[in-house]
């Protein structure tokens, strides 16, 4: 009987420790931006089309589904030379022509959650794009969110090239 009590107490303590660890999971921010010589409507058309992401974002290997608020879509990201990860983010904010945000999770909640937001604003040369993510999860104790910076900047450059080429083609 005492053994069961000790086992139950140990499991309860481990559960409490895990819960506290998840509740106190670290947070990190990553934000990048770029100016694009194309109108916001052109940039938005590329952002709002899941299939287009594969053409301009070198991190995205596949993306399909609906990008409406509350919808889930399927995304496969490159994770290195030959690796990939597929997950189903939920669109948490979709403001046509201005902002698209989704929440993605790697495994269970608070293991590694990422709220990814694309924001576009008109500026004197066309569009200012902000590509940002707020990370939260226990994996941040072992990794640096800044390791994603190169991928974010590559996505920005890819979107810039695609939008500017489309705008040039539309101008004739």
N, C-alpha and C. Protein backbone atom coordinates (compact mmCIF):
# COMPACT_ATOMS: atom_id res chain seq x y z
N UNK A 1 0.83 -1.20 0.00
CA UNK A 1 0.00 0.00 0.00
C UNK A 1 0.87 1.25 0.00
N UNK A 2 1.91 1.20 0.81
CA UNK A 2 2.79 2.36 0.90
C UNK A 2 3.46 2.63 -0.46
N UNK A 3 3.79 1.55 -1.17
CA UNK A 3 4.42 1.71 -2.48
C UNK A 3 3.51 2.44 -3.46
N UNK A 4 2.22 2.09 -3.47
CA UNK A 4 1.27 2.76 -4.35
C UNK A 4 1.13 4.22 -3.97
N UNK A 5 1.12 4.51 -2.69
CA UNK A 5 1.02 5.89 -2.22
C UNK A 5 2.24 6.69 -2.67
N UNK A 6 3.43 6.10 -2.54
CA UNK A 6 4.66 6.76 -2.96
C UNK A 6 4.67 6.98 -4.47
N UNK A 7 4.23 5.98 -5.23
CA UNK A 7 4.16 6.11 -6.68
C UNK A 7 3.17 7.20 -7.07
N UNK A 8 2.00 7.21 -6.45
CA UNK A 8 0.99 8.23 -6.74
C UNK A 8 1.51 9.62 -6.40
N UNK A 9 2.19 9.74 -5.27
CA UNK A 9 2.74 11.04 -4.88
C UNK A 9 3.82 11.48 -5.86
N UNK A 10 4.65 10.55 -6.28
CA UNK A 10 5.71 10.88 -7.25
C UNK A 10 5.11 11.32 -8.58
N UNK A 11 4.11 10.59 -9.06
CA UNK A 11 3.46 10.97 -10.31
C UNK A 11 2.76 12.32 -10.20
N UNK A 12 2.13 12.56 -9.07
CA UNK A 12 1.47 13.86 -8.86
C UNK A 12 2.50 14.98 -8.86
N UNK A 13 3.64 14.76 -8.21
CA UNK A 13 4.70 15.78 -8.18
C UNK A 13 5.25 16.03 -9.57
N UNK A 14 5.46 14.96 -10.33
CA UNK A 14 5.95 15.13 -11.70
C UNK A 14 4.94 15.87 -12.56
N UNK A 15 3.68 15.55 -12.40
CA UNK A 15 2.62 16.25 -13.14
C UNK A 15 2.58 17.73 -12.79
N UNK A 16 2.69 18.03 -11.51
CA UNK A 16 2.70 19.42 -11.07
C UNK A 16 3.91 20.16 -11.62
N UNK A 17 5.08 19.52 -11.57
CA UNK A 17 6.30 20.13 -12.10
C UNK A 17 6.18 20.39 -13.60
N UNK A 18 5.63 19.43 -14.33
CA UNK A 18 5.46 19.60 -15.77
C UNK A 18 4.48 20.74 -16.05
N UNK A 19 3.39 20.79 -15.31
CA UNK A 19 2.41 21.86 -15.48
C UNK A 19 3.00 23.23 -15.20
N UNK A 20 3.77 23.33 -14.12
CA UNK A 20 4.41 24.61 -13.80
C UNK A 20 5.44 24.98 -14.86
N UNK A 21 6.16 23.99 -15.36
CA UNK A 21 7.13 24.26 -16.43
C UNK A 21 6.46 24.78 -17.68
N UNK A 22 5.33 24.19 -18.05
CA UNK A 22 4.61 24.65 -19.22
C UNK A 22 4.03 26.04 -19.00
N UNK A 23 3.51 26.30 -17.81
CA UNK A 23 2.94 27.61 -17.51
C UNK A 23 4.01 28.70 -17.54
N UNK A 24 5.23 28.35 -17.15
CA UNK A 24 6.32 29.33 -17.11
C UNK A 24 7.19 29.26 -18.37
N UNK A 25 6.67 28.69 -19.44
CA UNK A 25 7.45 28.53 -20.66
C UNK A 25 7.98 29.88 -21.14
N UNK A 26 9.22 29.90 -21.59
CA UNK A 26 9.79 31.16 -22.06
C UNK A 26 9.12 31.67 -23.34
N UNK A 27 9.32 32.94 -23.60
CA UNK A 27 8.78 33.59 -24.79
C UNK A 27 9.90 34.29 -25.53
N UNK A 28 9.72 34.45 -26.84
CA UNK A 28 10.70 35.15 -27.67
C UNK A 28 9.98 35.77 -28.86
N UNK A 29 10.54 36.84 -29.37
CA UNK A 29 9.97 37.54 -30.52
C UNK A 29 11.00 37.59 -31.64
N UNK A 30 10.52 37.54 -32.87
CA UNK A 30 11.36 37.72 -34.04
C UNK A 30 10.56 38.55 -35.03
N UNK A 31 11.11 39.67 -35.46
CA UNK A 31 10.43 40.53 -36.43
C UNK A 31 11.42 40.97 -37.49
N UNK A 32 11.00 40.87 -38.74
CA UNK A 32 11.79 41.33 -39.87
C UNK A 32 10.88 42.19 -40.74
N UNK A 33 11.46 42.97 -41.61
CA UNK A 33 10.67 43.80 -42.50
C UNK A 33 11.42 44.10 -43.78
N UNK A 34 10.65 44.52 -44.79
CA UNK A 34 11.24 44.86 -46.08
C UNK A 34 10.28 45.79 -46.82
N UNK A 35 10.86 46.68 -47.62
CA UNK A 35 10.06 47.53 -48.50
C UNK A 35 9.95 46.85 -49.85
N UNK A 36 8.75 46.88 -50.41
CA UNK A 36 8.47 46.21 -51.69
C UNK A 36 7.91 47.25 -52.66
N UNK A 37 8.51 47.33 -53.84
CA UNK A 37 8.07 48.29 -54.86
C UNK A 37 6.91 47.68 -55.66
N UNK A 38 5.82 47.46 -54.95
CA UNK A 38 4.59 46.93 -55.54
C UNK A 38 3.45 47.38 -54.64
N UNK A 39 2.26 47.55 -55.21
CA UNK A 39 1.14 47.99 -54.37
C UNK A 39 0.73 46.93 -53.35
N UNK A 40 0.15 47.35 -52.23
CA UNK A 40 -0.28 46.40 -51.20
C UNK A 40 -1.20 45.30 -51.74
N UNK A 41 -2.05 45.64 -52.72
CA UNK A 41 -2.97 44.64 -53.27
C UNK A 41 -2.20 43.47 -53.91
N UNK A 42 -1.10 43.79 -54.56
CA UNK A 42 -0.28 42.75 -55.21
C UNK A 42 0.39 41.87 -54.16
N UNK A 43 0.94 42.50 -53.13
CA UNK A 43 1.58 41.75 -52.04
C UNK A 43 0.54 40.88 -51.35
N UNK A 44 -0.64 41.44 -51.07
CA UNK A 44 -1.69 40.68 -50.40
C UNK A 44 -2.13 39.48 -51.23
N UNK A 45 -2.25 39.65 -52.54
CA UNK A 45 -2.68 38.54 -53.39
C UNK A 45 -1.73 37.34 -53.24
N UNK A 46 -0.43 37.60 -53.11
CA UNK A 46 0.53 36.52 -52.94
C UNK A 46 0.47 35.92 -51.53
N UNK A 47 0.24 36.75 -50.53
CA UNK A 47 0.12 36.26 -49.14
C UNK A 47 -1.14 35.44 -48.93
N UNK A 48 -2.23 35.86 -49.54
CA UNK A 48 -3.53 35.24 -49.30
C UNK A 48 -3.74 33.94 -50.09
N UNK A 49 -2.81 33.61 -50.98
CA UNK A 49 -2.91 32.39 -51.79
C UNK A 49 -1.95 31.34 -51.25
N UNK A 50 -2.47 30.32 -50.54
CA UNK A 50 -1.57 29.32 -49.95
C UNK A 50 -0.63 28.67 -50.97
N UNK A 51 -1.12 28.35 -52.14
CA UNK A 51 -0.28 27.68 -53.14
C UNK A 51 0.86 28.58 -53.60
N UNK A 52 0.68 29.89 -53.58
CA UNK A 52 1.72 30.82 -54.03
C UNK A 52 2.92 30.83 -53.08
N UNK A 53 2.71 30.52 -51.80
CA UNK A 53 3.81 30.54 -50.82
C UNK A 53 4.95 29.61 -51.24
N UNK A 54 4.63 28.49 -51.86
CA UNK A 54 5.65 27.53 -52.28
C UNK A 54 6.59 28.17 -53.31
N UNK A 55 6.06 29.04 -54.15
CA UNK A 55 6.86 29.66 -55.21
C UNK A 55 7.81 30.74 -54.68
N UNK A 56 7.40 31.48 -53.65
CA UNK A 56 8.24 32.60 -53.21
C UNK A 56 8.90 32.41 -51.85
N UNK A 57 8.42 31.46 -51.04
CA UNK A 57 8.99 31.28 -49.71
C UNK A 57 9.84 30.00 -49.67
N UNK A 58 11.16 30.14 -49.60
CA UNK A 58 12.02 28.96 -49.64
C UNK A 58 11.85 28.02 -48.44
N UNK A 59 11.22 28.48 -47.38
CA UNK A 59 10.98 27.62 -46.22
C UNK A 59 9.77 26.72 -46.41
N UNK A 60 8.83 27.11 -47.29
CA UNK A 60 7.56 26.39 -47.45
C UNK A 60 7.69 25.36 -48.57
N UNK A 61 7.53 24.10 -48.21
CA UNK A 61 7.56 23.02 -49.19
C UNK A 61 6.16 22.70 -49.72
N UNK A 62 5.14 22.93 -48.90
CA UNK A 62 3.75 22.71 -49.30
C UNK A 62 2.84 23.53 -48.38
N UNK A 63 1.76 24.03 -48.95
CA UNK A 63 0.79 24.80 -48.16
C UNK A 63 -0.54 24.71 -48.88
N UNK A 64 -1.56 24.25 -48.16
CA UNK A 64 -2.88 24.12 -48.76
C UNK A 64 -3.96 24.31 -47.71
N UNK A 65 -5.08 24.84 -48.17
CA UNK A 65 -6.22 25.04 -47.27
C UNK A 65 -6.74 26.46 -47.37
N UNK A 66 -7.62 26.78 -46.46
CA UNK A 66 -8.29 28.08 -46.42
C UNK A 66 -7.60 28.97 -45.41
N UNK A 67 -7.35 30.22 -45.76
CA UNK A 67 -6.70 31.16 -44.84
C UNK A 67 -7.70 32.14 -44.23
N UNK A 68 -8.92 31.68 -43.95
CA UNK A 68 -9.93 32.50 -43.29
C UNK A 68 -9.80 32.37 -41.78
N UNK A 69 -10.18 33.39 -41.05
CA UNK A 69 -10.13 33.35 -39.59
C UNK A 69 -10.87 32.12 -39.07
N UNK A 70 -10.21 31.38 -38.19
CA UNK A 70 -10.78 30.18 -37.59
C UNK A 70 -10.48 28.90 -38.36
N UNK A 71 -10.00 29.03 -39.59
CA UNK A 71 -9.72 27.85 -40.41
C UNK A 71 -8.33 27.29 -40.07
N UNK A 72 -8.19 26.01 -40.30
CA UNK A 72 -6.88 25.35 -40.20
C UNK A 72 -6.42 25.02 -41.62
N UNK A 73 -5.13 25.11 -41.82
CA UNK A 73 -4.57 24.75 -43.11
C UNK A 73 -3.36 23.86 -42.87
N UNK A 74 -2.88 23.24 -43.91
CA UNK A 74 -1.74 22.32 -43.81
C UNK A 74 -0.51 22.99 -44.40
N UNK A 75 0.60 22.92 -43.65
CA UNK A 75 1.84 23.55 -44.09
C UNK A 75 3.01 22.61 -43.80
N UNK A 76 3.88 22.45 -44.78
CA UNK A 76 5.11 21.69 -44.60
C UNK A 76 6.28 22.64 -44.77
N UNK A 77 7.13 22.70 -43.75
CA UNK A 77 8.29 23.60 -43.75
C UNK A 77 9.57 22.80 -43.83
N UNK A 78 10.55 23.35 -44.53
CA UNK A 78 11.88 22.77 -44.56
C UNK A 78 12.54 23.03 -43.21
N UNK A 79 13.23 22.02 -42.69
CA UNK A 79 13.89 22.17 -41.38
C UNK A 79 15.39 21.99 -41.46
N UNK A 80 15.92 21.95 -42.63
CA UNK A 80 17.37 21.77 -42.79
C UNK A 80 17.65 21.22 -44.16
N UNK A 81 18.81 20.65 -44.32
CA UNK A 81 19.22 20.16 -45.63
C UNK A 81 18.23 19.17 -46.23
N UNK A 82 17.72 18.25 -45.44
CA UNK A 82 16.80 17.25 -45.99
C UNK A 82 15.55 17.05 -45.14
N UNK A 83 15.42 17.76 -44.04
CA UNK A 83 14.30 17.54 -43.14
C UNK A 83 13.11 18.44 -43.42
N UNK A 84 11.98 18.05 -42.87
CA UNK A 84 10.76 18.86 -42.98
C UNK A 84 9.85 18.54 -41.81
N UNK A 85 8.92 19.44 -41.56
CA UNK A 85 7.90 19.22 -40.54
C UNK A 85 6.58 19.71 -41.11
N UNK A 86 5.52 18.93 -40.90
CA UNK A 86 4.18 19.30 -41.36
C UNK A 86 3.32 19.56 -40.14
N UNK A 87 2.57 20.64 -40.18
CA UNK A 87 1.65 20.94 -39.10
C UNK A 87 0.43 21.64 -39.65
N UNK A 88 -0.57 21.85 -38.76
CA UNK A 88 -1.84 22.44 -39.17
C UNK A 88 -2.14 23.70 -38.34
N UNK A 89 -1.57 24.83 -38.74
CA UNK A 89 -1.83 26.06 -38.01
C UNK A 89 -3.30 26.49 -38.14
N UNK A 90 -3.72 27.29 -37.18
CA UNK A 90 -5.06 27.89 -37.22
C UNK A 90 -4.93 29.37 -37.50
N UNK A 91 -5.69 29.86 -38.46
CA UNK A 91 -5.70 31.29 -38.77
C UNK A 91 -6.44 32.00 -37.64
N UNK A 92 -5.76 32.91 -36.96
CA UNK A 92 -6.38 33.61 -35.83
C UNK A 92 -6.78 35.04 -36.20
N UNK A 93 -6.24 35.55 -37.31
CA UNK A 93 -6.62 36.89 -37.76
C UNK A 93 -6.38 37.00 -39.25
N UNK A 94 -7.41 37.44 -39.95
CA UNK A 94 -7.33 37.61 -41.40
C UNK A 94 -8.02 38.93 -41.72
N UNK A 95 -7.24 39.94 -41.99
CA UNK A 95 -7.77 41.25 -42.34
C UNK A 95 -7.31 41.56 -43.76
N UNK A 96 -8.16 41.28 -44.75
CA UNK A 96 -7.74 41.40 -46.16
C UNK A 96 -7.02 42.72 -46.46
N UNK A 97 -5.89 42.56 -47.11
CA UNK A 97 -5.11 43.72 -47.51
C UNK A 97 -4.23 44.29 -46.42
N UNK A 98 -4.32 43.74 -45.19
CA UNK A 98 -3.55 44.33 -44.09
C UNK A 98 -2.78 43.34 -43.24
N UNK A 99 -3.43 42.23 -42.83
CA UNK A 99 -2.77 41.35 -41.87
C UNK A 99 -3.29 39.93 -41.98
N UNK A 100 -2.35 38.99 -41.83
CA UNK A 100 -2.67 37.57 -41.81
C UNK A 100 -1.84 36.94 -40.70
N UNK A 101 -2.51 36.34 -39.69
CA UNK A 101 -1.82 35.73 -38.56
C UNK A 101 -2.33 34.32 -38.33
N UNK A 102 -1.40 33.41 -38.03
CA UNK A 102 -1.79 32.06 -37.68
C UNK A 102 -1.00 31.57 -36.48
N UNK A 103 -1.61 30.63 -35.75
CA UNK A 103 -0.97 30.01 -34.60
C UNK A 103 -0.61 28.58 -34.98
N UNK A 104 0.70 28.30 -34.92
CA UNK A 104 1.19 26.96 -35.20
C UNK A 104 1.76 26.35 -33.94
N UNK A 105 1.66 25.05 -33.84
CA UNK A 105 2.19 24.34 -32.67
C UNK A 105 3.04 23.17 -33.12
N UNK A 106 4.15 23.00 -32.46
CA UNK A 106 4.97 21.82 -32.66
C UNK A 106 4.62 20.87 -31.53
N UNK A 107 3.84 19.86 -31.84
CA UNK A 107 3.42 18.91 -30.82
C UNK A 107 2.36 19.49 -29.90
N UNK A 108 2.52 19.24 -28.62
CA UNK A 108 1.54 19.66 -27.61
C UNK A 108 1.65 21.17 -27.35
N UNK A 109 0.56 21.78 -26.86
CA UNK A 109 0.62 23.21 -26.52
C UNK A 109 1.77 23.49 -25.56
N UNK A 110 2.43 24.59 -25.81
CA UNK A 110 3.55 25.12 -25.04
C UNK A 110 4.83 24.30 -25.16
N UNK A 111 4.86 23.32 -26.04
CA UNK A 111 6.14 22.70 -26.37
C UNK A 111 6.90 23.72 -27.21
N UNK A 112 6.29 24.15 -28.32
CA UNK A 112 6.75 25.31 -29.09
C UNK A 112 5.57 25.81 -29.89
N UNK A 113 5.03 26.94 -29.48
CA UNK A 113 3.92 27.60 -30.17
C UNK A 113 4.47 28.83 -30.87
N UNK A 114 3.93 29.12 -32.03
CA UNK A 114 4.35 30.32 -32.74
C UNK A 114 3.16 31.05 -33.33
N UNK A 115 3.00 32.31 -32.97
CA UNK A 115 1.98 33.17 -33.57
C UNK A 115 2.68 33.96 -34.66
N UNK A 116 2.45 33.57 -35.91
CA UNK A 116 3.12 34.17 -37.06
C UNK A 116 2.20 35.21 -37.69
N UNK A 117 2.71 36.42 -37.90
CA UNK A 117 1.90 37.49 -38.49
C UNK A 117 2.63 38.15 -39.65
N UNK A 118 1.91 38.31 -40.73
CA UNK A 118 2.36 39.08 -41.89
C UNK A 118 1.53 40.36 -41.88
N UNK A 119 2.19 41.51 -41.92
CA UNK A 119 1.48 42.79 -41.95
C UNK A 119 1.96 43.59 -43.15
N UNK A 120 1.03 44.21 -43.85
CA UNK A 120 1.41 45.05 -44.98
C UNK A 120 0.80 46.43 -44.80
N UNK A 121 1.60 47.43 -45.16
CA UNK A 121 1.17 48.82 -45.10
C UNK A 121 1.65 49.53 -46.35
N UNK A 122 0.80 50.40 -46.89
CA UNK A 122 1.21 51.22 -48.03
C UNK A 122 2.28 52.20 -47.56
N UNK A 123 3.27 52.43 -48.41
CA UNK A 123 4.26 53.47 -48.12
C UNK A 123 4.57 54.20 -49.43
N UNK A 124 5.51 55.12 -49.39
CA UNK A 124 5.81 55.96 -50.55
C UNK A 124 6.30 55.16 -51.76
N UNK A 125 6.93 54.02 -51.53
CA UNK A 125 7.47 53.23 -52.65
C UNK A 125 6.61 52.02 -53.00
N UNK A 126 5.54 51.80 -52.29
CA UNK A 126 4.65 50.66 -52.54
C UNK A 126 4.13 50.07 -51.26
N UNK A 127 4.89 49.13 -50.68
CA UNK A 127 4.42 48.40 -49.50
C UNK A 127 5.55 48.17 -48.52
N UNK A 128 5.23 48.30 -47.25
CA UNK A 128 6.13 47.89 -46.17
C UNK A 128 5.57 46.57 -45.63
N UNK A 129 6.39 45.52 -45.69
CA UNK A 129 6.00 44.20 -45.19
C UNK A 129 6.70 43.95 -43.87
N UNK A 130 5.94 43.50 -42.87
CA UNK A 130 6.51 43.02 -41.61
C UNK A 130 6.18 41.55 -41.50
N UNK A 131 7.19 40.75 -41.23
CA UNK A 131 7.08 39.31 -41.09
C UNK A 131 7.57 39.00 -39.67
N UNK A 132 6.66 38.63 -38.77
CA UNK A 132 7.02 38.50 -37.35
C UNK A 132 6.40 37.25 -36.74
N UNK A 133 7.04 36.80 -35.66
CA UNK A 133 6.49 35.66 -34.92
C UNK A 133 6.79 35.83 -33.44
N UNK A 134 5.77 35.51 -32.64
CA UNK A 134 5.91 35.45 -31.18
C UNK A 134 5.94 33.98 -30.82
N UNK A 135 7.04 33.55 -30.22
CA UNK A 135 7.22 32.15 -29.85
C UNK A 135 7.00 31.99 -28.35
N UNK A 136 6.48 30.81 -27.98
CA UNK A 136 6.36 30.46 -26.57
C UNK A 136 6.45 28.95 -26.46
N UNK A 137 7.25 28.49 -25.51
CA UNK A 137 7.31 27.05 -25.29
C UNK A 137 8.58 26.62 -24.60
N UNK A 138 8.51 25.44 -24.01
CA UNK A 138 9.65 24.94 -23.24
C UNK A 138 10.87 24.66 -24.11
N UNK A 139 10.69 24.43 -25.42
CA UNK A 139 11.83 24.22 -26.29
C UNK A 139 12.72 25.46 -26.40
N UNK A 140 12.17 26.63 -26.05
CA UNK A 140 12.99 27.85 -26.09
C UNK A 140 14.07 27.86 -25.02
N UNK A 141 13.98 26.96 -24.04
CA UNK A 141 15.07 26.84 -23.08
C UNK A 141 16.30 26.24 -23.75
N UNK A 142 16.08 25.50 -24.85
CA UNK A 142 17.19 24.82 -25.53
C UNK A 142 17.51 25.40 -26.91
N UNK A 143 16.73 26.37 -27.37
CA UNK A 143 16.97 26.92 -28.70
C UNK A 143 16.77 28.43 -28.70
N UNK A 144 17.30 29.08 -29.71
CA UNK A 144 17.20 30.53 -29.86
C UNK A 144 16.29 30.84 -31.04
N UNK A 145 15.22 31.56 -30.81
CA UNK A 145 14.28 31.90 -31.88
C UNK A 145 14.96 32.67 -33.01
N UNK A 146 16.06 33.33 -32.71
CA UNK A 146 16.76 34.09 -33.75
C UNK A 146 17.35 33.18 -34.83
N UNK A 147 17.42 31.89 -34.58
CA UNK A 147 17.94 30.98 -35.60
C UNK A 147 17.01 30.95 -36.82
N UNK A 148 15.77 31.44 -36.67
CA UNK A 148 14.83 31.48 -37.78
C UNK A 148 14.98 32.75 -38.62
N UNK A 149 15.80 33.70 -38.18
CA UNK A 149 15.91 35.01 -38.86
C UNK A 149 16.27 34.87 -40.34
N UNK A 150 17.25 34.05 -40.66
CA UNK A 150 17.65 33.91 -42.07
C UNK A 150 16.49 33.42 -42.92
N UNK A 151 15.70 32.48 -42.42
CA UNK A 151 14.55 31.99 -43.15
C UNK A 151 13.49 33.06 -43.34
N UNK A 152 13.26 33.87 -42.31
CA UNK A 152 12.29 34.97 -42.42
C UNK A 152 12.75 35.97 -43.47
N UNK A 153 14.03 36.30 -43.44
CA UNK A 153 14.56 37.28 -44.40
C UNK A 153 14.54 36.72 -45.82
N UNK A 154 14.80 35.43 -45.97
CA UNK A 154 14.71 34.80 -47.29
C UNK A 154 13.26 34.84 -47.81
N UNK A 155 12.30 34.61 -46.92
CA UNK A 155 10.89 34.70 -47.30
C UNK A 155 10.55 36.13 -47.73
N UNK A 156 11.03 37.11 -46.98
CA UNK A 156 10.79 38.51 -47.34
C UNK A 156 11.32 38.81 -48.74
N UNK A 157 12.56 38.39 -49.01
CA UNK A 157 13.17 38.63 -50.31
C UNK A 157 12.41 37.91 -51.43
N UNK A 158 11.96 36.69 -51.14
CA UNK A 158 11.18 35.95 -52.13
C UNK A 158 9.86 36.62 -52.45
N UNK A 159 9.17 37.09 -51.40
CA UNK A 159 7.90 37.79 -51.61
C UNK A 159 8.13 39.10 -52.36
N UNK A 160 9.18 39.81 -52.00
CA UNK A 160 9.52 41.07 -52.69
C UNK A 160 9.73 40.81 -54.18
N UNK A 161 10.54 39.81 -54.52
CA UNK A 161 10.82 39.50 -55.93
C UNK A 161 9.54 39.12 -56.67
N UNK A 162 8.71 38.27 -56.06
CA UNK A 162 7.48 37.83 -56.71
C UNK A 162 6.51 38.99 -56.90
N UNK A 163 6.35 39.82 -55.88
CA UNK A 163 5.41 40.95 -55.97
C UNK A 163 5.88 42.00 -56.97
N UNK A 164 7.17 42.28 -56.95
CA UNK A 164 7.69 43.28 -57.89
C UNK A 164 7.61 42.79 -59.33
N UNK A 165 7.86 41.49 -59.56
CA UNK A 165 7.73 40.93 -60.90
C UNK A 165 6.27 40.98 -61.36
N UNK A 166 5.35 40.65 -60.46
CA UNK A 166 3.92 40.69 -60.81
C UNK A 166 3.49 42.13 -61.10
N UNK A 167 3.92 43.07 -60.28
CA UNK A 167 3.56 44.48 -60.49
C UNK A 167 4.11 44.98 -61.83
N UNK A 168 5.34 44.60 -62.15
CA UNK A 168 5.95 45.01 -63.43
C UNK A 168 5.16 44.43 -64.60
N UNK A 169 4.77 43.16 -64.49
CA UNK A 169 4.00 42.53 -65.56
C UNK A 169 2.63 43.20 -65.72
N UNK A 170 2.02 43.61 -64.60
CA UNK A 170 0.72 44.28 -64.66
C UNK A 170 0.82 45.68 -65.26
N UNK A 171 1.98 46.33 -65.06
CA UNK A 171 2.18 47.66 -65.64
C UNK A 171 2.40 47.56 -67.14
N UNK A 172 2.79 46.39 -67.59
CA UNK A 172 2.85 46.17 -69.02
C UNK A 172 4.16 46.25 -69.65
